[in-house]
Amino acid sequence: MIEGFITATTITNIYYIIRKAAGALVAQDAISQILTDLHICAVDRNVLELAISLNLRDFEDAVQCACAMVSMLDAIITRDISGFVGVEIPGMLPGELISREGI
């Protein structure tokens, strides 16, 4: 069984993008659906300190990776795996997950 996780900071980005494109009500509905479907990874001081220590090129990727590490996740599903090369939690393209899990 696959369980989905998302960082708390990503939710604010999603809300902002959807609100700009489709309005506040659509954005609120999207966030409500995310909260129903996914587990939320906290972004706290420990996660941010771990993210800094990872020395990744992109800090947002580092935060994603740190959250995955703290939550002991198996993979990070992303459209850009280049940001996760050589880290403890492997990056995986969405298509790879679909193929592997037979979704």
Protein backbone atom coordinates (compact mmCIF):
# COMPACT_ATOMS: atom_id res chain seq x y z
CA MET A 1 0.00 0.00 0.00
CA ILE A 2 1.32 3.43 -0.92
CA GLU A 3 0.97 6.25 1.57
CA GLY A 4 1.54 9.78 0.33
CA PHE A 5 3.31 12.49 2.28
CA ILE A 6 3.79 16.18 1.57
CA THR A 7 5.75 18.84 3.39
CA ALA A 8 3.82 21.54 5.19
CA THR A 9 5.71 24.20 3.23
CA THR A 10 4.63 22.72 -0.09
CA ILE A 11 0.99 23.17 0.83
CA THR A 12 1.38 26.94 1.07
CA ASN A 13 3.03 26.98 -2.37
CA ILE A 14 0.19 24.92 -3.85
CA TYR A 15 -2.41 27.24 -2.33
CA TYR A 16 -0.65 30.32 -3.73
CA ILE A 17 -0.36 28.89 -7.25
CA ILE A 18 -3.95 27.66 -7.41
CA ARG A 19 -5.35 30.86 -5.91
CA LYS A 20 -3.57 32.94 -8.56
CA ALA A 21 -4.78 30.66 -11.35
CA ALA A 22 -8.30 29.75 -10.24
CA GLY A 23 -9.28 31.73 -7.14
CA ALA A 24 -9.40 31.25 -3.39
CA LEU A 25 -12.33 28.82 -3.29
CA VAL A 26 -10.68 26.41 -5.72
CA ALA A 27 -7.43 26.70 -3.77
CA GLN A 28 -9.20 25.97 -0.48
CA ASP A 29 -10.88 22.92 -2.01
CA ALA A 30 -7.53 21.67 -3.29
CA ILE A 31 -5.92 22.07 0.13
CA SER A 32 -8.85 20.31 1.79
CA GLN A 33 -8.37 17.39 -0.61
CA ILE A 34 -4.64 17.27 0.13
CA LEU A 35 -5.34 17.22 3.86
CA THR A 36 -7.75 14.32 3.30
CA ASP A 37 -5.47 12.28 1.05
CA LEU A 38 -1.92 12.86 2.31
CA HIS A 39 0.09 12.83 5.52
CA ILE A 40 1.72 16.14 6.36
CA CYS A 41 5.45 16.25 7.17
CA ALA A 42 6.22 18.94 9.70
CA VAL A 43 8.89 21.49 8.86
CA ASP A 44 10.50 22.50 12.13
CA ARG A 45 13.90 23.64 13.30
CA ASN A 46 15.34 20.11 13.26
CA VAL A 47 14.21 19.53 9.68
CA LEU A 48 15.61 22.88 8.55
CA GLU A 49 18.95 22.24 10.27
CA LEU A 50 19.13 18.79 8.66
CA ALA A 51 18.27 20.36 5.29
CA ILE A 52 21.14 22.82 5.62
CA SER A 53 23.55 20.05 6.58
CA LEU A 54 22.69 18.10 3.41
CA ASN A 55 24.44 20.77 1.32
CA LEU A 56 22.13 20.26 -1.65
CA ARG A 57 22.20 22.82 -4.45
CA ASP A 58 18.49 23.66 -3.98
CA PHE A 59 17.29 24.38 -0.43
CA GLU A 60 13.69 23.45 -1.22
CA ASP A 61 14.88 20.01 -2.39
CA ALA A 62 16.95 19.75 0.79
CA VAL A 63 13.87 20.45 2.92
CA GLN A 64 11.93 17.78 0.99
CA CYS A 65 14.76 15.32 1.55
CA ALA A 66 15.12 16.17 5.24
CA CYS A 67 11.38 15.69 5.76
CA ALA A 68 11.56 12.32 4.01
CA MET A 69 14.51 11.29 6.16
CA VAL A 70 12.86 12.33 9.44
CA SER A 71 9.63 10.57 8.41
CA MET A 72 11.63 7.48 7.32
CA LEU A 73 10.07 7.44 3.85
CA ASP A 74 11.16 5.13 1.03
CA ALA A 75 11.38 7.61 -1.85
CA ILE A 76 10.76 11.16 -2.97
CA ILE A 77 8.46 11.35 -5.99
CA THR A 78 9.51 14.30 -8.13
CA ARG A 79 9.61 15.50 -11.72
CA ASP A 80 13.26 16.53 -11.23
CA ILE A 81 15.34 13.75 -9.70
CA SER A 82 18.58 15.65 -10.35
CA GLY A 83 18.13 17.45 -7.03
CA PHE A 84 18.17 14.17 -5.12
CA VAL A 85 21.23 12.43 -6.53
CA GLY A 86 23.47 11.00 -3.84
CA VAL A 87 21.09 11.53 -0.93
CA GLU A 88 19.84 8.95 1.54
CA ILE A 89 16.28 8.92 0.18
CA PRO A 90 16.19 8.20 -3.56
CA GLY A 91 14.31 10.45 -5.95
CA MET A 92 11.86 8.71 -8.27
CA LEU A 93 9.95 9.95 -11.28
CA PRO A 94 6.14 9.61 -11.08
CA GLY A 95 6.20 7.16 -14.01
CA GLU A 96 8.67 4.94 -12.16
CA LEU A 97 6.34 4.74 -9.19
CA ILE A 98 3.40 3.91 -11.42
CA SER A 99 5.36 1.18 -13.20
CA ARG A 100 6.78 -0.27 -10.00
CA GLU A 101 3.51 -0.29 -8.10
CA GLY A 102 1.22 -1.13 -11.02
CA ILE A 103 -0.97 1.86 -10.36
